[in-house]
C-alpha atoms as a PDB file:
ATOM      1  CA  MET A   1       0.026   0.004   0.000  1.00  0.00           C
ATOM      2  CA  SER A   2       1.270   3.433  -0.808  1.00  0.00           C
ATOM      3  CA  THR A   3       0.128   6.850   0.373  1.00  0.00           C
ATOM      4  CA  LEU A   4      -0.026   9.922  -1.841  1.00  0.00           C
ATOM      5  CA  ASN A   5      -0.108  13.416  -0.388  1.00  0.00           C
ATOM      6  CA  VAL A   6      -0.523  16.386  -2.831  1.00  0.00           C
ATOM      7  CA  ASN A   7       0.285  19.878  -1.412  1.00  0.00           C
ATOM      8  CA  PRO A   8      -0.045  22.913  -3.489  1.00  0.00           C
ATOM      9  CA  VAL A   9       2.811  25.463  -2.998  1.00  0.00           C
ATOM     10  CA  GLU A  10       1.820  29.092  -3.190  1.00  0.00           C
ATOM     11  CA  GLY A  11       3.877  31.902  -4.539  1.00  0.00           C
ATOM     12  CA  SER A  12       4.372  35.327  -2.895  1.00  0.00           C
ATOM     13  CA  ASP A  13       1.176  36.646  -4.556  1.00  0.00           C
ATOM     14  CA  GLY A  14      -0.998  33.780  -3.320  1.00  0.00           C
ATOM     15  CA  VAL A  15      -1.180  31.995  -6.682  1.00  0.00           C
ATOM     16  CA  SER A  16      -0.372  28.329  -6.869  1.00  0.00           C
ATOM     17  CA  VAL A  17       2.867  28.018  -8.822  1.00  0.00           C
ATOM     18  CA  SER A  18       3.804  24.377  -8.304  1.00  0.00           C
ATOM     19  CA  ARG A  19       2.497  21.203  -6.737  1.00  0.00           C
ATOM     20  CA  GLN A  20       4.307  18.598  -4.710  1.00  0.00           C
ATOM     21  CA  ALA A  21       3.295  14.999  -4.399  1.00  0.00           C
ATOM     22  CA  ARG A  22       4.930  12.743  -1.784  1.00  0.00           C
ATOM     23  CA  LEU A  23       4.754   9.071  -2.361  1.00  0.00           C
ATOM     24  CA  HIS A  24       5.519   6.568   0.415  1.00  0.00           C
ATOM     25  CA  LEU A  25       6.091   3.062  -0.869  1.00  0.00           C
ATOM     26  CA  THR A  26       5.208   0.938   2.099  1.00  0.00           C
ATOM     27  CA  ARG A  27       4.464  -2.508   0.592  1.00  0.00           C
ATOM     28  CA  LEU A  28       5.373  -4.560  -2.458  1.00  0.00           C
ATOM     29  CA  ASP A  29       3.174  -7.438  -3.463  1.00  0.00           C
ATOM     30  CA  PRO A  30       5.550 -10.430  -3.898  1.00  0.00           C
ATOM     31  CA  TRP A  31       3.346 -12.014  -6.637  1.00  0.00           C
ATOM     32  CA  SER A  32       3.297  -8.800  -8.674  1.00  0.00           C
ATOM     33  CA  VAL A  33       7.051  -8.446  -8.330  1.00  0.00           C
ATOM     34  CA  ALA A  34       7.524 -12.034  -9.401  1.00  0.00           C
ATOM     35  CA  LYS A  35       5.385 -11.560 -12.477  1.00  0.00           C
ATOM     36  CA  ALA A  36       7.204  -8.452 -13.448  1.00  0.00           C
ATOM     37  CA  ALA A  37      10.632 -10.011 -12.841  1.00  0.00           C
ATOM     38  CA  PHE A  38       9.618 -13.046 -14.867  1.00  0.00           C
ATOM     39  CA  MET A  39       8.630 -10.891 -17.814  1.00  0.00           C
ATOM     40  CA  PHE A  40      11.814  -8.826 -17.446  1.00  0.00           C
ATOM     41  CA  GLY A  41      13.748 -12.052 -17.364  1.00  0.00           C
ATOM     42  CA  ILE A  42      12.179 -13.366 -20.529  1.00  0.00           C
ATOM     43  CA  THR A  43      12.962 -10.071 -22.317  1.00  0.00           C
ATOM     44  CA  LEU A  44      16.516 -10.139 -21.076  1.00  0.00           C
ATOM     45  CA  ALA A  45      16.911 -13.783 -22.184  1.00  0.00           C
ATOM     46  CA  GLY A  46      15.832 -12.769 -25.702  1.00  0.00           C
ATOM     47  CA  VAL A  47      18.352  -9.982 -25.783  1.00  0.00           C
ATOM     48  CA  ILE A  48      21.071 -12.324 -24.613  1.00  0.00           C
ATOM     49  CA  MET A  49      20.120 -14.839 -27.241  1.00  0.00           C
ATOM     50  CA  VAL A  50      20.091 -12.307 -30.145  1.00  0.00           C
ATOM     51  CA  ALA A  51      23.327 -10.732 -28.952  1.00  0.00           C
ATOM     52  CA  SER A  52      25.236 -14.006 -28.640  1.00  0.00           C
ATOM     53  CA  VAL A  53      24.067 -15.250 -32.089  1.00  0.00           C
ATOM     54  CA  ALA A  54      24.970 -11.851 -33.606  1.00  0.00           C
ATOM     55  CA  LEU A  55      28.373 -11.931 -31.941  1.00  0.00           C
ATOM     56  CA  TRP A  56      28.963 -15.492 -33.161  1.00  0.00           C
ATOM     57  CA  LEU A  57      27.998 -14.541 -36.682  1.00  0.00           C
ATOM     58  CA  ILE A  58      30.310 -11.548 -36.656  1.00  0.00           C
ATOM     59  CA  LEU A  59      33.196 -13.604 -35.331  1.00  0.00           C
ATOM     60  CA  SER A  60      32.563 -16.399 -37.801  1.00  0.00           C
ATOM     61  CA  ALA A  61      32.374 -13.961 -40.727  1.00  0.00           C
ATOM     62  CA  SER A  62      35.654 -12.384 -39.725  1.00  0.00           C
ATOM     63  CA  GLY A  63      37.436 -15.639 -39.655  1.00  0.00           C
ATOM     64  CA  VAL A  64      38.230 -15.901 -35.881  1.00  0.00           C
ATOM     65  CA  PHE A  65      37.007 -19.413 -35.551  1.00  0.00           C
ATOM     66  CA  ASP A  66      39.058 -20.623 -38.514  1.00  0.00           C
ATOM     67  CA  ALA A  67      42.126 -18.975 -36.884  1.00  0.00           C
ATOM     68  CA  LEU A  68      41.498 -20.611 -33.578  1.00  0.00           C
ATOM     69  CA  THR A  69      40.903 -24.014 -35.230  1.00  0.00           C
ATOM     70  CA  SER A  70      44.206 -23.564 -37.092  1.00  0.00           C
ATOM     71  CA  ILE A  71      46.049 -22.740 -33.879  1.00  0.00           C
ATOM     72  CA  PHE A  72      44.550 -25.654 -31.983  1.00  0.00           C
ATOM     73  CA  ARG A  73      45.224 -27.979 -34.790  1.00  0.00           C
ATOM     74  CA  ASP A  74      48.904 -26.870 -35.051  1.00  0.00           C
ATOM     75  CA  ALA A  75      49.432 -27.025 -31.327  1.00  0.00           C
ATOM     76  CA  GLY A  76      47.879 -30.403 -30.884  1.00  0.00           C
ATOM     77  CA  GLY A  77      49.284 -32.033 -33.977  1.00  0.00           C
ATOM     78  CA  ASN A  78      45.839 -33.064 -35.124  1.00  0.00           C
ATOM     79  CA  THR A  79      45.533 -32.759 -38.895  1.00  0.00           C
ATOM     80  CA  ASN A  80      42.173 -34.224 -39.596  1.00  0.00           C
ATOM     81  CA  GLY A  81      39.512 -32.437 -37.573  1.00  0.00           C
ATOM     82  CA  GLY A  82      38.193 -29.160 -36.390  1.00  0.00           C
ATOM     83  CA  ILE A  83      36.928 -28.026 -33.011  1.00  0.00           C
ATOM     84  CA  SER A  84      33.311 -28.977 -32.463  1.00  0.00           C
ATOM     85  CA  PHE A  85      32.706 -26.685 -29.440  1.00  0.00           C
ATOM     86  CA  LEU A  86      32.723 -23.572 -31.564  1.00  0.00           C
ATOM     87  CA  SER A  87      29.558 -24.438 -33.488  1.00  0.00           C
ATOM     88  CA  LEU A  88      26.455 -22.281 -33.573  1.00  0.00           C
ATOM     89  CA  GLY A  89      24.228 -25.087 -32.246  1.00  0.00           C
ATOM     90  CA  ARG A  90      26.271 -25.454 -29.091  1.00  0.00           C
ATOM     91  CA  LEU A  91      26.274 -21.735 -28.543  1.00  0.00           C
ATOM     92  CA  VAL A  92      22.483 -21.521 -28.833  1.00  0.00           C
ATOM     93  CA  GLY A  93      22.101 -24.474 -26.474  1.00  0.00           C
ATOM     94  CA  LEU A  94      24.455 -22.980 -23.872  1.00  0.00           C
ATOM     95  CA  THR A  95      22.781 -19.568 -24.220  1.00  0.00           C
ATOM     96  CA  MET A  96      19.315 -21.071 -23.686  1.00  0.00           C
ATOM     97  CA  LEU A  97      20.640 -22.892 -20.566  1.00  0.00           C
ATOM     98  CA  ILE A  98      22.157 -19.676 -19.142  1.00  0.00           C
ATOM     99  CA  SER A  99      18.999 -17.741 -19.992  1.00  0.00           C
ATOM    100  CA  ALA A 100      16.766 -20.279 -18.286  1.00  0.00           C
ATOM    101  CA  ALA A 101      18.878 -20.085 -15.124  1.00  0.00           C
ATOM    102  CA  GLU A 102      18.779 -16.307 -15.365  1.00  0.00           C
ATOM    103  CA  ILE A 103      14.976 -16.290 -15.533  1.00  0.00           C
ATOM    104  CA  VAL A 104      14.565 -18.560 -12.531  1.00  0.00           C
ATOM    105  CA  LEU A 105      17.133 -16.705 -10.412  1.00  0.00           C
ATOM    106  CA  LEU A 106      15.820 -13.267 -11.323  1.00  0.00           C
ATOM    107  CA  THR A 107      12.228 -14.266 -10.499  1.00  0.00           C
ATOM    108  CA  VAL A 108      13.106 -15.973  -7.171  1.00  0.00           C
ATOM    109  CA  LEU A 109      15.545 -13.278  -5.990  1.00  0.00           C
ATOM    110  CA  SER A 110      13.086 -10.520  -6.829  1.00  0.00           C
ATOM    111  CA  SER A 111      10.330 -12.192  -4.868  1.00  0.00           C
ATOM    112  CA  ILE A 112      12.658 -12.697  -1.932  1.00  0.00           C
ATOM    113  CA  PHE A 113      13.660  -9.045  -2.136  1.00  0.00           C
ATOM    114  CA  ALA A 114       9.984  -7.968  -2.061  1.00  0.00           C
ATOM    115  CA  VAL A 115       9.349 -10.047   1.049  1.00  0.00           C
ATOM    116  CA  LEU A 116      12.478  -8.683   2.765  1.00  0.00           C
ATOM    117  CA  TYR A 117      11.452  -5.137   1.744  1.00  0.00           C
ATOM    118  CA  ASN A 118       7.960  -5.679   3.241  1.00  0.00           C
ATOM    119  CA  LEU A 119       9.628  -6.924   6.544  1.00  0.00           C
ATOM    120  CA  SER A 120      12.037  -3.992   6.662  1.00  0.00           C
ATOM    121  CA  VAL A 121       9.444  -1.198   6.115  1.00  0.00           C
ATOM    122  CA  GLY A 122       8.568  -1.232   9.702  1.00  0.00           C
ATOM    123  CA  PHE A 123      12.121  -0.165  10.569  1.00  0.00           C
ATOM    124  CA  THR A 124      12.832   2.133   7.668  1.00  0.00           C
ATOM    125  CA  GLY A 125       9.444   3.625   6.857  1.00  0.00           C
ATOM    126  CA  GLY A 126       9.673   2.688   3.165  1.00  0.00           C
ATOM    127  CA  ILE A 127      10.838   4.702   0.254  1.00  0.00           C
ATOM    128  CA  GLU A 128       9.621   8.315   0.013  1.00  0.00           C
ATOM    129  CA  VAL A 129       9.566   9.928  -3.451  1.00  0.00           C
ATOM    130  CA  THR A 130       8.751  13.562  -3.880  1.00  0.00           C
ATOM    131  CA  LEU A 131       7.396  14.659  -7.272  1.00  0.00           C
ATOM    132  CA  THR A 132       7.105  18.396  -8.141  1.00  0.00           C
ATOM    133  CA  ASP A 133       5.288  20.187 -10.919  1.00  0.00           C
ATOM    134  CA  ARG A 134       7.151  23.334 -11.940  1.00  0.00           C
ATOM    135  CA  ALA A 135       5.257  25.921 -13.811  1.00  0.00           C
END
């Protein structure tokens, strides 16, 4: 629950020049925080997926993976095969695994934060935000 107090501020001639609104954030609903964090996590996972595929495509087009394969082949003395861990399929699979863990951790930790915030509001009084309207 939050409270909102709006106080008009009067100028020297008695005319209201600006308004102030004070908002006290005294409670976070853990379920709403979990839903918002889940949606943010899905969005962030999509960004991570697109960025990692784009980075892989750029590095592949510039020949970095071919150079690494050549270095490993020369260092190991292997003349018949490449490196399979530099494939796009493995990158996408690893990125999906990391993104799934990120979604779960973000959702759970955000919900725990909301519960801890609700417990600490009695000691701290919550967060106070002052909004002003300047004319």
